[in-house]
Amino acid sequence: MIPRELTRLTFLEMFNLSQNLLVGPIPQGPQLNTFENDSYGGNLDLCSPPLTKQCGTSDPSHAPQQL
């Protein structure tokens, strides 16, 4: 998960959490709201704006496979 405390940072010019297997909602705050979708790429279980995936929905393409 992305720590909510990051919303308090006001000095970030760049922010990229791509490819980190993060899950859950992206905290909303003045600074984090300025970053685009590509800052979160490759984290299939992240949700909420700026991403189009809404929290509380699942994507069957990465559900655990039964063997």
PDB file of N, CA and C in Angstrom:
ATOM      1  N   MET A   1       0.839  -1.190   0.000  1.00  0.00           N
ATOM      2  CA  MET A   1       0.000   0.000   0.000  1.00  0.00           C
ATOM      3  C   MET A   1       0.879   1.246   0.000  1.00  0.00           C
ATOM      4  N   ILE A   2       0.325   2.307  -0.532  1.00  0.00           N
ATOM      5  CA  ILE A   2       1.025   3.596  -0.522  1.00  0.00           C
ATOM      6  C   ILE A   2       0.666   4.295   0.785  1.00  0.00           C
ATOM      7  N   PRO A   3       1.668   4.660   1.591  1.00  0.00           N
ATOM      8  CA  PRO A   3       1.380   5.313   2.873  1.00  0.00           C
ATOM      9  C   PRO A   3       0.664   6.650   2.694  1.00  0.00           C
ATOM     10  N   ARG A   4      -0.379   6.869   3.456  1.00  0.00           N
ATOM     11  CA  ARG A   4      -1.152   8.116   3.412  1.00  0.00           C
ATOM     12  C   ARG A   4      -0.269   9.319   3.776  1.00  0.00           C
ATOM     13  N   GLU A   5       0.783   9.082   4.548  1.00  0.00           N
ATOM     14  CA  GLU A   5       1.678  10.170   4.969  1.00  0.00           C
ATOM     15  C   GLU A   5       2.335  10.871   3.774  1.00  0.00           C
ATOM     16  N   LEU A   6       2.427  10.180   2.642  1.00  0.00           N
ATOM     17  CA  LEU A   6       3.029  10.813   1.467  1.00  0.00           C
ATOM     18  C   LEU A   6       2.213  12.005   0.973  1.00  0.00           C
ATOM     19  N   THR A   7       0.950  12.078   1.347  1.00  0.00           N
ATOM     20  CA  THR A   7       0.133  13.213   0.914  1.00  0.00           C
ATOM     21  C   THR A   7       0.577  14.515   1.564  1.00  0.00           C
ATOM     22  N   ARG A   8       1.354  14.422   2.621  1.00  0.00           N
ATOM     23  CA  ARG A   8       1.835  15.632   3.321  1.00  0.00           C
ATOM     24  C   ARG A   8       3.077  16.236   2.678  1.00  0.00           C
ATOM     25  N   LEU A   9       3.720  15.477   1.787  1.00  0.00           N
ATOM     26  CA  LEU A   9       4.924  15.993   1.141  1.00  0.00           C
ATOM     27  C   LEU A   9       4.538  17.052   0.124  1.00  0.00           C
ATOM     28  N   THR A  10       5.230  18.177   0.159  1.00  0.00           N
ATOM     29  CA  THR A  10       4.890  19.280  -0.742  1.00  0.00           C
ATOM     30  C   THR A  10       6.030  19.634  -1.689  1.00  0.00           C
ATOM     31  N   PHE A  11       7.096  18.867  -1.680  1.00  0.00           N
ATOM     32  CA  PHE A  11       8.273  19.224  -2.455  1.00  0.00           C
ATOM     33  C   PHE A  11       8.586  18.234  -3.575  1.00  0.00           C
ATOM     34  N   LEU A  12       7.685  17.315  -3.863  1.00  0.00           N
ATOM     35  CA  LEU A  12       7.957  16.312  -4.888  1.00  0.00           C
ATOM     36  C   LEU A  12       7.805  16.893  -6.287  1.00  0.00           C
ATOM     37  N   GLU A  13       8.851  16.779  -7.078  1.00  0.00           N
ATOM     38  CA  GLU A  13       8.781  17.192  -8.473  1.00  0.00           C
ATOM     39  C   GLU A  13       8.510  15.987  -9.358  1.00  0.00           C
ATOM     40  N   MET A  14       9.069  14.842  -8.968  1.00  0.00           N
ATOM     41  CA  MET A  14       8.861  13.578  -9.679  1.00  0.00           C
ATOM     42  C   MET A  14       8.392  12.541  -8.671  1.00  0.00           C
ATOM     43  N   PHE A  15       7.575  11.611  -9.159  1.00  0.00           N
ATOM     44  CA  PHE A  15       7.051  10.567  -8.288  1.00  0.00           C
ATOM     45  C   PHE A  15       6.734   9.376  -9.169  1.00  0.00           C
ATOM     46  N   ASN A  16       7.437   8.265  -8.959  1.00  0.00           N
ATOM     47  CA  ASN A  16       7.197   7.102  -9.799  1.00  0.00           C
ATOM     48  C   ASN A  16       7.257   5.848  -8.939  1.00  0.00           C
ATOM     49  N   LEU A  17       6.126   5.195  -8.813  1.00  0.00           N
ATOM     50  CA  LEU A  17       6.030   3.963  -8.039  1.00  0.00           C
ATOM     51  C   LEU A  17       5.784   2.757  -8.943  1.00  0.00           C
ATOM     52  N   SER A  18       6.108   2.875 -10.211  1.00  0.00           N
ATOM     53  CA  SER A  18       5.854   1.815 -11.180  1.00  0.00           C
ATOM     54  C   SER A  18       6.557   0.519 -10.807  1.00  0.00           C
ATOM     55  N   GLN A  19       5.869  -0.593 -11.153  1.00  0.00           N
ATOM     56  CA  GLN A  19       6.428  -1.941 -11.028  1.00  0.00           C
ATOM     57  C   GLN A  19       6.814  -2.312  -9.598  1.00  0.00           C
ATOM     58  N   ASN A  20       5.973  -1.981  -8.626  1.00  0.00           N
ATOM     59  CA  ASN A  20       6.277  -2.292  -7.232  1.00  0.00           C
ATOM     60  C   ASN A  20       5.269  -3.219  -6.563  1.00  0.00           C
ATOM     61  N   LEU A  21       4.326  -3.788  -7.326  1.00  0.00           N
ATOM     62  CA  LEU A  21       3.326  -4.711  -6.787  1.00  0.00           C
ATOM     63  C   LEU A  21       2.518  -4.094  -5.650  1.00  0.00           C
ATOM     64  N   LEU A  22       2.230  -2.802  -5.761  1.00  0.00           N
ATOM     65  CA  LEU A  22       1.443  -2.106  -4.744  1.00  0.00           C
ATOM     66  C   LEU A  22      -0.033  -2.456  -4.887  1.00  0.00           C
ATOM     67  N   VAL A  23      -0.761  -2.380  -3.781  1.00  0.00           N
ATOM     68  CA  VAL A  23      -2.190  -2.693  -3.774  1.00  0.00           C
ATOM     69  C   VAL A  23      -2.959  -1.597  -3.038  1.00  0.00           C
ATOM     70  N   GLY A  24      -4.256  -1.517  -3.311  1.00  0.00           N
ATOM     71  CA  GLY A  24      -5.126  -0.604  -2.576  1.00  0.00           C
ATOM     72  C   GLY A  24      -5.284   0.742  -3.245  1.00  0.00           C
ATOM     73  N   PRO A  25      -5.966   1.642  -2.563  1.00  0.00           N
ATOM     74  CA  PRO A  25      -6.236   2.967  -3.133  1.00  0.00           C
ATOM     75  C   PRO A  25      -5.004   3.871  -3.093  1.00  0.00           C
ATOM     76  N   ILE A  26      -4.939   4.749  -4.074  1.00  0.00           N
ATOM     77  CA  ILE A  26      -3.895   5.768  -4.100  1.00  0.00           C
ATOM     78  C   ILE A  26      -4.378   6.901  -3.201  1.00  0.00           C
ATOM     79  N   PRO A  27      -3.616   7.260  -2.176  1.00  0.00           N
ATOM     80  CA  PRO A  27      -4.044   8.355  -1.296  1.00  0.00           C
ATOM     81  C   PRO A  27      -4.224   9.642  -2.095  1.00  0.00           C
ATOM     82  N   GLN A  28      -5.257  10.386  -1.786  1.00  0.00           N
ATOM     83  CA  GLN A  28      -5.539  11.639  -2.477  1.00  0.00           C
ATOM     84  C   GLN A  28      -5.027  12.809  -1.651  1.00  0.00           C
ATOM     85  N   GLY A  29      -4.339  13.703  -2.300  1.00  0.00           N
ATOM     86  CA  GLY A  29      -3.815  14.876  -1.622  1.00  0.00           C
ATOM     87  C   GLY A  29      -3.267  15.849  -2.640  1.00  0.00           C
ATOM     88  N   PRO A  30      -3.038  17.084  -2.241  1.00  0.00           N
ATOM     89  CA  PRO A  30      -2.624  18.123  -3.185  1.00  0.00           C
ATOM     90  C   PRO A  30      -1.408  17.743  -4.031  1.00  0.00           C
ATOM     91  N   GLN A  31      -0.413  17.132  -3.439  1.00  0.00           N
ATOM     92  CA  GLN A  31       0.793  16.800  -4.182  1.00  0.00           C
ATOM     93  C   GLN A  31       0.610  15.547  -5.031  1.00  0.00           C
ATOM     94  N   LEU A  32       0.073  14.486  -4.464  1.00  0.00           N
ATOM     95  CA  LEU A  32      -0.077  13.240  -5.217  1.00  0.00           C
ATOM     96  C   LEU A  32      -1.071  13.388  -6.358  1.00  0.00           C
ATOM     97  N   ASN A  33      -2.013  14.282  -6.250  1.00  0.00           N
ATOM     98  CA  ASN A  33      -3.000  14.482  -7.311  1.00  0.00           C
ATOM     99  C   ASN A  33      -2.398  15.114  -8.565  1.00  0.00           C
ATOM    100  N   THR A  34      -1.159  15.584  -8.486  1.00  0.00           N
ATOM    101  CA  THR A  34      -0.531  16.210  -9.648  1.00  0.00           C
ATOM    102  C   THR A  34       0.173  15.207 -10.548  1.00  0.00           C
ATOM    103  N   PHE A  35       0.290  13.962 -10.135  1.00  0.00           N
ATOM    104  CA  PHE A  35       1.007  12.959 -10.913  1.00  0.00           C
ATOM    105  C   PHE A  35       0.050  12.148 -11.775  1.00  0.00           C
ATOM    106  N   GLU A  36       0.509  11.781 -12.961  1.00  0.00           N
ATOM    107  CA  GLU A  36      -0.311  11.089 -13.954  1.00  0.00           C
ATOM    108  C   GLU A  36      -0.294   9.570 -13.753  1.00  0.00           C
ATOM    109  N   ASN A  37      -1.087   8.876 -14.577  1.00  0.00           N
ATOM    110  CA  ASN A  37      -1.191   7.407 -14.527  1.00  0.00           C
ATOM    111  C   ASN A  37       0.151   6.700 -14.611  1.00  0.00           C
ATOM    112  N   ASP A  38       1.059   7.213 -15.442  1.00  0.00           N
ATOM    113  CA  ASP A  38       2.325   6.504 -15.640  1.00  0.00           C
ATOM    114  C   ASP A  38       3.199   6.470 -14.388  1.00  0.00           C
ATOM    115  N   SER A  39       2.878   7.241 -13.376  1.00  0.00           N
ATOM    116  CA  SER A  39       3.604   7.177 -12.105  1.00  0.00           C
ATOM    117  C   SER A  39       3.290   5.909 -11.328  1.00  0.00           C
ATOM    118  N   TYR A  40       2.226   5.209 -11.721  1.00  0.00           N
ATOM    119  CA  TYR A  40       1.758   4.040 -10.981  1.00  0.00           C
ATOM    120  C   TYR A  40       1.720   2.773 -11.833  1.00  0.00           C
ATOM    121  N   GLY A  41       2.286   2.785 -13.017  1.00  0.00           N
ATOM    122  CA  GLY A  41       2.211   1.675 -13.958  1.00  0.00           C
ATOM    123  C   GLY A  41       2.739   0.360 -13.387  1.00  0.00           C
ATOM    124  N   GLY A  42       2.129  -0.729 -13.797  1.00  0.00           N
ATOM    125  CA  GLY A  42       2.586  -2.054 -13.399  1.00  0.00           C
ATOM    126  C   GLY A  42       2.147  -2.496 -12.018  1.00  0.00           C
ATOM    127  N   ASN A  43       1.343  -1.725 -11.360  1.00  0.00           N
ATOM    128  CA  ASN A  43       0.791  -2.082 -10.051  1.00  0.00           C
ATOM    129  C   ASN A  43      -0.678  -2.447 -10.271  1.00  0.00           C
ATOM    130  N   LEU A  44      -0.930  -3.674 -10.698  1.00  0.00           N
ATOM    131  CA  LEU A  44      -2.257  -4.083 -11.155  1.00  0.00           C
ATOM    132  C   LEU A  44      -3.343  -3.990 -10.097  1.00  0.00           C
ATOM    133  N   ASP A  45      -2.974  -3.941  -8.830  1.00  0.00           N
ATOM    134  CA  ASP A  45      -3.976  -3.907  -7.769  1.00  0.00           C
ATOM    135  C   ASP A  45      -4.117  -2.543  -7.110  1.00  0.00           C
ATOM    136  N   LEU A  46      -3.549  -1.500  -7.724  1.00  0.00           N
ATOM    137  CA  LEU A  46      -3.802  -0.138  -7.252  1.00  0.00           C
ATOM    138  C   LEU A  46      -5.116   0.334  -7.853  1.00  0.00           C
ATOM    139  N   CYS A  47      -5.792   1.217  -7.141  1.00  0.00           N
ATOM    140  CA  CYS A  47      -7.069   1.732  -7.633  1.00  0.00           C
ATOM    141  C   CYS A  47      -7.260   3.171  -7.181  1.00  0.00           C
ATOM    142  N   SER A  48      -8.245   3.823  -7.733  1.00  0.00           N
ATOM    143  CA  SER A  48      -8.668   5.206  -7.471  1.00  0.00           C
ATOM    144  C   SER A  48      -7.907   6.169  -8.382  1.00  0.00           C
ATOM    145  N   PRO A  49      -8.430   7.384  -8.541  1.00  0.00           N
ATOM    146  CA  PRO A  49      -7.778   8.360  -9.422  1.00  0.00           C
ATOM    147  C   PRO A  49      -6.324   8.584  -9.006  1.00  0.00           C
ATOM    148  N   PRO A  50      -5.453   8.794  -9.968  1.00  0.00           N
ATOM    149  CA  PRO A  50      -5.712   9.087 -11.371  1.00  0.00           C
ATOM    150  C   PRO A  50      -5.964   7.848 -12.231  1.00  0.00           C
ATOM    151  N   LEU A  51      -5.935   6.663 -11.673  1.00  0.00           N
ATOM    152  CA  LEU A  51      -6.185   5.448 -12.440  1.00  0.00           C
ATOM    153  C   LEU A  51      -7.670   5.302 -12.729  1.00  0.00           C
ATOM    154  N   THR A  52      -7.996   4.564 -13.774  1.00  0.00           N
ATOM    155  CA  THR A  52      -9.399   4.362 -14.112  1.00  0.00           C
ATOM    156  C   THR A  52     -10.020   3.227 -13.305  1.00  0.00           C
ATOM    157  N   LYS A  53      -9.199   2.356 -12.719  1.00  0.00           N
ATOM    158  CA  LYS A  53      -9.738   1.248 -11.928  1.00  0.00           C
ATOM    159  C   LYS A  53     -10.323   1.779 -10.622  1.00  0.00           C
ATOM    160  N   GLN A  54     -11.565   1.441 -10.388  1.00  0.00           N
ATOM    161  CA  GLN A  54     -12.236   1.839  -9.160  1.00  0.00           C
ATOM    162  C   GLN A  54     -11.938   0.842  -8.052  1.00  0.00           C
ATOM    163  N   CYS A  55     -11.781   1.297  -6.848  1.00  0.00           N
ATOM    164  CA  CYS A  55     -11.555   0.415  -5.711  1.00  0.00           C
ATOM    165  C   CYS A  55     -12.798  -0.431  -5.470  1.00  0.00           C
ATOM    166  N   GLY A  56     -12.589  -1.660  -5.039  1.00  0.00           N
ATOM    167  CA  GLY A  56     -13.705  -2.547  -4.765  1.00  0.00           C
ATOM    168  C   GLY A  56     -14.088  -3.405  -5.950  1.00  0.00           C
ATOM    169  N   THR A  57     -13.385  -3.245  -7.072  1.00  0.00           N
ATOM    170  CA  THR A  57     -13.626  -4.098  -8.227  1.00  0.00           C
ATOM    171  C   THR A  57     -12.416  -4.975  -8.428  1.00  0.00           C
ATOM    172  N   SER A  58     -12.614  -6.144  -8.955  1.00  0.00           N
ATOM    173  CA  SER A  58     -11.474  -7.030  -9.180  1.00  0.00           C
ATOM    174  C   SER A  58     -11.273  -7.221 -10.661  1.00  0.00           C
ATOM    175  N   ASP A  59     -10.058  -7.510 -11.026  1.00  0.00           N
ATOM    176  CA  ASP A  59      -9.700  -7.763 -12.426  1.00  0.00           C
ATOM    177  C   ASP A  59      -9.416  -9.250 -12.555  1.00  0.00           C
ATOM    178  N   PRO A  60     -10.268 -10.002 -13.242  1.00  0.00           N
ATOM    179  CA  PRO A  60     -10.082 -11.447 -13.332  1.00  0.00           C
ATOM    180  C   PRO A  60      -8.805 -11.844 -14.073  1.00  0.00           C
ATOM    181  N   SER A  61      -8.178 -10.925 -14.785  1.00  0.00           N
ATOM    182  CA  SER A  61      -6.968 -11.281 -15.530  1.00  0.00           C
ATOM    183  C   SER A  61      -5.780 -11.560 -14.635  1.00  0.00           C
ATOM    184  N   HIS A  62      -5.832 -11.133 -13.360  1.00  0.00           N
ATOM    185  CA  HIS A  62      -4.717 -11.447 -12.469  1.00  0.00           C
ATOM    186  C   HIS A  62      -5.206 -12.092 -11.172  1.00  0.00           C
ATOM    187  N   ALA A  63      -6.315 -12.798 -11.275  1.00  0.00           N
ATOM    188  CA  ALA A  63      -6.799 -13.582 -10.128  1.00  0.00           C
ATOM    189  C   ALA A  63      -5.943 -14.837 -10.006  1.00  0.00           C
ATOM    190  N   PRO A  64      -5.804 -15.367  -8.792  1.00  0.00           N
ATOM    191  CA  PRO A  64      -5.022 -16.592  -8.618  1.00  0.00           C
ATOM    192  C   PRO A  64      -5.578 -17.729  -9.481  1.00  0.00           C
ATOM    193  N   GLN A  65      -4.699 -18.450 -10.108  1.00  0.00           N
ATOM    194  CA  GLN A  65      -5.089 -19.572 -10.949  1.00  0.00           C
ATOM    195  C   GLN A  65      -5.143 -20.850 -10.124  1.00  0.00           C
ATOM    196  N   GLN A  66      -6.164 -21.638 -10.350  1.00  0.00           N
ATOM    197  CA  GLN A  66      -6.252 -22.935  -9.662  1.00  0.00           C
ATOM    198  C   GLN A  66      -5.594 -23.977 -10.530  1.00  0.00           C
ATOM    199  N   LEU A  67      -4.756 -24.791  -9.932  1.00  0.00           N
ATOM    200  CA  LEU A  67      -4.042 -25.846 -10.681  1.00  0.00           C
ATOM    201  C   LEU A  67      -4.691 -27.185 -10.461  1.00  0.00           C
TER     202      LEU A  67
END
